[in-house]
Amino acid sequence: MNVIGKALLVVLLALPALGDTPDPCSNALLLRTLATDDVQLIKEAIVDLGKQHDEAALPLIEKTLDRFPKESTLAFSLFYFRSDAADAVAARHLSALDFADYKQAQGYGLQ
C-alpha cells in the first residue's frame, strides 16, 4: 500500500470517532473531507457533522451533494442532523419516494 493509500485508510478509520468529538480540529477535518472524491469518506463526514449538529456545514454539504447527484446515500446521511434545515437539503436531493423513506426512518428514530 502506498503512502496515499495508508493516509486515506487512517482518515477512514478515524472519521467515526471524530464526529463524536465536537472539537474544532475534528470539524475542520470533516469539512475538508467533503472536498474528496471518495463517496464513503464523504458519507462518514456528513454523518459525523450531523452528529455534531453543525448546521453551518449544510451549504458545503449541499455543494458536495450537487457533485454526486446519483449518490442518494449521501443525502440520506443528513438524517443525523435531525433538523428542518438538513431535511430541506435532503428533500432537494432525494426523489419524493426516497424522501418519504427518509422521513419515515426519522419517525422510527433509526440511526
N, C-alpha and C. Protein backbone atom coordinates (compact mmCIF):
# COMPACT_ATOMS: atom_id res chain seq x y z
N MET A 1 0.86 -1.17 0.00
CA MET A 1 0.00 0.00 0.00
C MET A 1 0.91 1.23 0.00
N ASN A 2 0.61 2.18 -0.89
CA ASN A 2 1.42 3.38 -0.97
C ASN A 2 1.08 4.37 0.15
N VAL A 3 1.84 5.45 0.23
CA VAL A 3 1.67 6.44 1.30
C VAL A 3 0.27 7.06 1.27
N ILE A 4 -0.22 7.39 0.08
CA ILE A 4 -1.55 7.99 -0.02
C ILE A 4 -2.62 7.00 0.44
N GLY A 5 -2.48 5.75 0.05
CA GLY A 5 -3.43 4.73 0.47
C GLY A 5 -3.45 4.57 1.98
N LYS A 6 -2.26 4.59 2.60
CA LYS A 6 -2.18 4.48 4.06
C LYS A 6 -2.82 5.69 4.73
N ALA A 7 -2.60 6.87 4.17
CA ALA A 7 -3.18 8.09 4.75
C ALA A 7 -4.71 8.05 4.67
N LEU A 8 -5.25 7.60 3.53
CA LEU A 8 -6.70 7.50 3.40
C LEU A 8 -7.28 6.47 4.36
N LEU A 9 -6.55 5.38 4.56
CA LEU A 9 -7.01 4.36 5.49
C LEU A 9 -7.07 4.92 6.91
N VAL A 10 -6.07 5.68 7.30
CA VAL A 10 -6.05 6.29 8.63
C VAL A 10 -7.23 7.24 8.79
N VAL A 11 -7.49 8.06 7.77
CA VAL A 11 -8.62 9.00 7.84
C VAL A 11 -9.93 8.24 7.92
N LEU A 12 -10.08 7.20 7.11
CA LEU A 12 -11.32 6.42 7.11
C LEU A 12 -11.57 5.79 8.48
N LEU A 13 -10.53 5.29 9.09
CA LEU A 13 -10.68 4.67 10.41
C LEU A 13 -10.95 5.70 11.50
N ALA A 14 -10.43 6.91 11.33
CA ALA A 14 -10.57 7.94 12.36
C ALA A 14 -11.89 8.70 12.28
N LEU A 15 -12.50 8.79 11.12
CA LEU A 15 -13.69 9.63 10.95
C LEU A 15 -14.83 9.30 11.90
N PRO A 16 -15.19 8.04 12.11
CA PRO A 16 -16.30 7.79 13.04
C PRO A 16 -16.04 8.34 14.44
N ALA A 17 -14.82 8.25 14.91
CA ALA A 17 -14.50 8.77 16.24
C ALA A 17 -14.51 10.29 16.25
N LEU A 18 -14.11 10.91 15.16
CA LEU A 18 -14.04 12.37 15.11
C LEU A 18 -15.41 13.02 15.25
N GLY A 19 -16.41 12.42 14.65
CA GLY A 19 -17.74 13.01 14.69
C GLY A 19 -18.35 13.05 16.07
N ASP A 20 -17.89 12.18 16.93
CA ASP A 20 -18.41 12.15 18.28
C ASP A 20 -17.69 13.14 19.19
N THR A 21 -16.73 13.84 18.64
CA THR A 21 -15.94 14.80 19.41
C THR A 21 -16.20 16.20 18.86
N PRO A 22 -17.01 17.00 19.50
CA PRO A 22 -17.30 18.33 18.96
C PRO A 22 -16.13 19.30 19.17
N ASP A 23 -15.01 18.96 18.60
CA ASP A 23 -13.84 19.81 18.76
C ASP A 23 -13.49 20.43 17.42
N PRO A 24 -13.02 21.65 17.42
CA PRO A 24 -12.78 22.36 16.16
C PRO A 24 -11.81 21.65 15.23
N CYS A 25 -10.88 20.89 15.79
CA CYS A 25 -9.93 20.17 14.93
C CYS A 25 -10.63 19.08 14.13
N SER A 26 -11.52 18.31 14.76
CA SER A 26 -12.22 17.27 14.03
C SER A 26 -13.16 17.88 13.01
N ASN A 27 -13.78 18.98 13.37
CA ASN A 27 -14.70 19.64 12.46
C ASN A 27 -14.00 20.09 11.18
N ALA A 28 -12.84 20.67 11.32
CA ALA A 28 -12.08 21.12 10.14
C ALA A 28 -11.73 19.95 9.24
N LEU A 29 -11.34 18.82 9.82
CA LEU A 29 -11.01 17.64 9.03
C LEU A 29 -12.25 17.11 8.31
N LEU A 30 -13.36 17.09 9.02
CA LEU A 30 -14.60 16.61 8.39
C LEU A 30 -15.01 17.49 7.23
N LEU A 31 -14.87 18.80 7.38
CA LEU A 31 -15.21 19.72 6.29
C LEU A 31 -14.29 19.53 5.10
N ARG A 32 -13.02 19.32 5.35
CA ARG A 32 -12.07 19.08 4.24
C ARG A 32 -12.38 17.78 3.52
N THR A 33 -12.89 16.81 4.26
CA THR A 33 -13.22 15.52 3.66
C THR A 33 -14.31 15.66 2.61
N LEU A 34 -15.18 16.65 2.76
CA LEU A 34 -16.25 16.86 1.78
C LEU A 34 -15.71 17.20 0.39
N ALA A 35 -14.47 17.65 0.31
CA ALA A 35 -13.88 18.02 -0.97
C ALA A 35 -13.26 16.83 -1.70
N THR A 36 -13.21 15.66 -1.05
CA THR A 36 -12.62 14.49 -1.70
C THR A 36 -13.59 13.92 -2.72
N ASP A 37 -13.13 12.92 -3.45
CA ASP A 37 -13.99 12.21 -4.40
C ASP A 37 -14.38 10.83 -3.88
N ASP A 38 -14.03 10.54 -2.65
CA ASP A 38 -14.34 9.25 -2.05
C ASP A 38 -15.72 9.31 -1.39
N VAL A 39 -16.69 8.69 -2.01
CA VAL A 39 -18.08 8.77 -1.56
C VAL A 39 -18.25 8.22 -0.14
N GLN A 40 -17.54 7.15 0.18
CA GLN A 40 -17.66 6.57 1.53
C GLN A 40 -17.12 7.54 2.58
N LEU A 41 -15.98 8.16 2.30
CA LEU A 41 -15.43 9.15 3.24
C LEU A 41 -16.38 10.33 3.41
N ILE A 42 -16.95 10.78 2.30
CA ILE A 42 -17.88 11.91 2.34
C ILE A 42 -19.10 11.55 3.18
N LYS A 43 -19.62 10.35 2.97
CA LYS A 43 -20.80 9.90 3.73
C LYS A 43 -20.49 9.92 5.23
N GLU A 44 -19.34 9.38 5.61
CA GLU A 44 -18.95 9.38 7.03
C GLU A 44 -18.82 10.80 7.57
N ALA A 45 -18.27 11.69 6.76
CA ALA A 45 -18.11 13.08 7.19
C ALA A 45 -19.48 13.74 7.42
N ILE A 46 -20.43 13.49 6.51
CA ILE A 46 -21.77 14.07 6.66
C ILE A 46 -22.44 13.52 7.92
N VAL A 47 -22.33 12.22 8.14
CA VAL A 47 -22.92 11.60 9.34
C VAL A 47 -22.31 12.25 10.59
N ASP A 48 -20.99 12.38 10.61
CA ASP A 48 -20.33 12.92 11.80
C ASP A 48 -20.63 14.40 12.00
N LEU A 49 -20.71 15.15 10.92
CA LEU A 49 -21.12 16.56 11.05
C LEU A 49 -22.55 16.64 11.57
N GLY A 50 -23.39 15.70 11.15
CA GLY A 50 -24.76 15.65 11.66
C GLY A 50 -24.80 15.33 13.14
N LYS A 51 -23.97 14.41 13.57
CA LYS A 51 -23.92 14.07 14.99
C LYS A 51 -23.44 15.27 15.82
N GLN A 52 -22.63 16.13 15.19
CA GLN A 52 -22.17 17.35 15.87
C GLN A 52 -23.21 18.47 15.73
N HIS A 53 -24.24 18.23 14.93
CA HIS A 53 -25.29 19.23 14.66
C HIS A 53 -24.69 20.53 14.12
N ASP A 54 -23.75 20.37 13.18
CA ASP A 54 -23.06 21.53 12.59
C ASP A 54 -23.84 22.03 11.38
N GLU A 55 -24.91 22.77 11.63
CA GLU A 55 -25.74 23.27 10.52
C GLU A 55 -25.02 24.29 9.65
N ALA A 56 -23.96 24.89 10.16
CA ALA A 56 -23.17 25.81 9.35
C ALA A 56 -22.50 25.07 8.19
N ALA A 57 -22.38 23.75 8.29
CA ALA A 57 -21.76 22.95 7.23
C ALA A 57 -22.74 22.62 6.11
N LEU A 58 -24.03 22.87 6.31
CA LEU A 58 -25.03 22.46 5.31
C LEU A 58 -24.81 23.05 3.91
N PRO A 59 -24.44 24.32 3.76
CA PRO A 59 -24.20 24.82 2.40
C PRO A 59 -23.06 24.07 1.69
N LEU A 60 -22.00 23.75 2.41
CA LEU A 60 -20.90 23.00 1.82
C LEU A 60 -21.33 21.56 1.52
N ILE A 61 -22.12 20.98 2.40
CA ILE A 61 -22.64 19.64 2.15
C ILE A 61 -23.54 19.64 0.92
N GLU A 62 -24.35 20.68 0.77
CA GLU A 62 -25.22 20.73 -0.41
C GLU A 62 -24.40 20.83 -1.69
N LYS A 63 -23.33 21.60 -1.69
CA LYS A 63 -22.45 21.67 -2.87
C LYS A 63 -21.84 20.30 -3.15
N THR A 64 -21.52 19.58 -2.10
CA THR A 64 -20.97 18.23 -2.27
C THR A 64 -22.02 17.31 -2.87
N LEU A 65 -23.25 17.39 -2.39
CA LEU A 65 -24.33 16.57 -2.96
C LEU A 65 -24.55 16.89 -4.43
N ASP A 66 -24.39 18.15 -4.80
CA ASP A 66 -24.52 18.55 -6.21
C ASP A 66 -23.47 17.85 -7.08
N ARG A 67 -22.30 17.57 -6.51
CA ARG A 67 -21.24 16.90 -7.26
C ARG A 67 -21.54 15.42 -7.49
N PHE A 68 -22.39 14.84 -6.65
CA PHE A 68 -22.70 13.41 -6.71
C PHE A 68 -24.21 13.19 -6.76
N PRO A 69 -24.87 13.63 -7.83
CA PRO A 69 -26.34 13.58 -7.87
C PRO A 69 -26.93 12.17 -7.81
N LYS A 70 -26.16 11.15 -8.16
CA LYS A 70 -26.70 9.79 -8.16
C LYS A 70 -26.41 9.03 -6.87
N GLU A 71 -25.76 9.68 -5.93
CA GLU A 71 -25.40 9.04 -4.66
C GLU A 71 -26.40 9.43 -3.58
N SER A 72 -27.58 8.82 -3.62
CA SER A 72 -28.63 9.19 -2.67
C SER A 72 -28.26 8.88 -1.22
N THR A 73 -27.32 7.94 -1.03
CA THR A 73 -26.93 7.63 0.35
C THR A 73 -26.30 8.84 1.03
N LEU A 74 -25.69 9.72 0.25
CA LEU A 74 -25.12 10.93 0.85
C LEU A 74 -26.22 11.81 1.41
N ALA A 75 -27.29 11.98 0.65
CA ALA A 75 -28.41 12.80 1.13
C ALA A 75 -29.10 12.14 2.32
N PHE A 76 -29.19 10.81 2.32
CA PHE A 76 -29.77 10.11 3.46
C PHE A 76 -28.97 10.35 4.73
N SER A 77 -27.67 10.61 4.58
CA SER A 77 -26.81 10.83 5.75
C SER A 77 -27.18 12.10 6.50
N LEU A 78 -27.92 13.00 5.86
CA LEU A 78 -28.37 14.22 6.53
C LEU A 78 -29.34 13.92 7.67
N PHE A 79 -29.86 12.73 7.70
CA PHE A 79 -30.75 12.26 8.74
C PHE A 79 -30.18 12.52 10.13
N TYR A 80 -28.85 12.41 10.26
CA TYR A 80 -28.20 12.54 11.56
C TYR A 80 -28.24 13.97 12.12
N PHE A 81 -28.52 14.94 11.28
CA PHE A 81 -28.63 16.32 11.77
C PHE A 81 -29.90 16.49 12.61
N ARG A 82 -30.96 15.77 12.22
CA ARG A 82 -32.26 15.87 12.89
C ARG A 82 -32.70 17.33 13.00
N SER A 83 -32.69 17.99 11.83
CA SER A 83 -33.10 19.41 11.81
C SER A 83 -33.89 19.69 10.55
N ASP A 84 -34.72 20.71 10.63
CA ASP A 84 -35.51 21.12 9.46
C ASP A 84 -34.61 21.59 8.33
N ALA A 85 -33.53 22.28 8.66
CA ALA A 85 -32.62 22.78 7.63
C ALA A 85 -31.98 21.63 6.85
N ALA A 86 -31.55 20.60 7.56
CA ALA A 86 -30.95 19.44 6.89
C ALA A 86 -32.01 18.68 6.09
N ASP A 87 -33.22 18.61 6.63
CA ASP A 87 -34.32 17.94 5.91
C ASP A 87 -34.61 18.66 4.60
N ALA A 88 -34.53 19.96 4.60
CA ALA A 88 -34.78 20.73 3.38
C ALA A 88 -33.72 20.42 2.32
N VAL A 89 -32.48 20.30 2.74
CA VAL A 89 -31.41 19.94 1.80
C VAL A 89 -31.65 18.53 1.28
N ALA A 90 -31.99 17.60 2.16
CA ALA A 90 -32.28 16.22 1.73
C ALA A 90 -33.43 16.19 0.74
N ALA A 91 -34.47 16.96 0.98
CA ALA A 91 -35.63 16.98 0.08
C ALA A 91 -35.25 17.43 -1.32
N ARG A 92 -34.29 18.33 -1.41
CA ARG A 92 -33.85 18.81 -2.74
C ARG A 92 -33.00 17.78 -3.47
N HIS A 93 -32.47 16.81 -2.75
CA HIS A 93 -31.54 15.86 -3.38
C HIS A 93 -32.05 14.42 -3.40
N LEU A 94 -33.26 14.20 -2.93
CA LEU A 94 -33.84 12.87 -2.96
C LEU A 94 -35.13 12.89 -3.77
N SER A 95 -35.44 11.76 -4.40
CA SER A 95 -36.73 11.65 -5.07
C SER A 95 -37.82 11.72 -4.02
N ALA A 96 -39.04 11.96 -4.44
CA ALA A 96 -40.16 12.05 -3.50
C ALA A 96 -40.30 10.75 -2.69
N LEU A 97 -40.13 9.61 -3.36
CA LEU A 97 -40.24 8.32 -2.69
C LEU A 97 -39.11 8.14 -1.67
N ASP A 98 -37.88 8.48 -2.07
CA ASP A 98 -36.75 8.37 -1.15
C ASP A 98 -36.91 9.31 0.04
N PHE A 99 -37.42 10.51 -0.22
CA PHE A 99 -37.61 11.45 0.88
C PHE A 99 -38.68 10.95 1.85
N ALA A 100 -39.69 10.29 1.32
CA ALA A 100 -40.72 9.69 2.20
C ALA A 100 -40.07 8.63 3.10
N ASP A 101 -39.17 7.83 2.55
CA ASP A 101 -38.45 6.83 3.34
C ASP A 101 -37.58 7.50 4.40
N TYR A 102 -36.93 8.58 4.00
CA TYR A 102 -36.07 9.36 4.91
C TYR A 102 -36.90 9.85 6.10
N LYS A 103 -38.06 10.43 5.83
CA LYS A 103 -38.91 10.94 6.90
C LYS A 103 -39.48 9.79 7.76
N GLN A 104 -39.80 8.69 7.13
CA GLN A 104 -40.31 7.55 7.89
C GLN A 104 -39.23 7.02 8.83
N ALA A 105 -38.00 6.94 8.36
CA ALA A 105 -36.90 6.50 9.23
C ALA A 105 -36.74 7.43 10.42
N GLN A 106 -36.92 8.72 10.19
CA GLN A 106 -36.84 9.68 11.31
C GLN A 106 -37.93 9.41 12.33
N GLY A 107 -39.11 9.08 11.84
CA GLY A 107 -40.23 8.80 12.73
C GLY A 107 -39.98 7.59 13.63
N TYR A 108 -39.22 6.63 13.10
CA TYR A 108 -38.88 5.45 13.89
C TYR A 108 -37.66 5.68 14.76
N GLY A 109 -37.01 6.83 14.59
CA GLY A 109 -35.82 7.12 15.38
C GLY A 109 -34.62 6.29 14.99
N LEU A 110 -34.61 5.78 13.75
CA LEU A 110 -33.48 4.96 13.29
C LEU A 110 -32.23 5.80 13.19
N GLN A 111 -31.10 5.16 13.42
CA GLN A 111 -29.82 5.86 13.33
C GLN A 111 -28.86 5.09 12.50
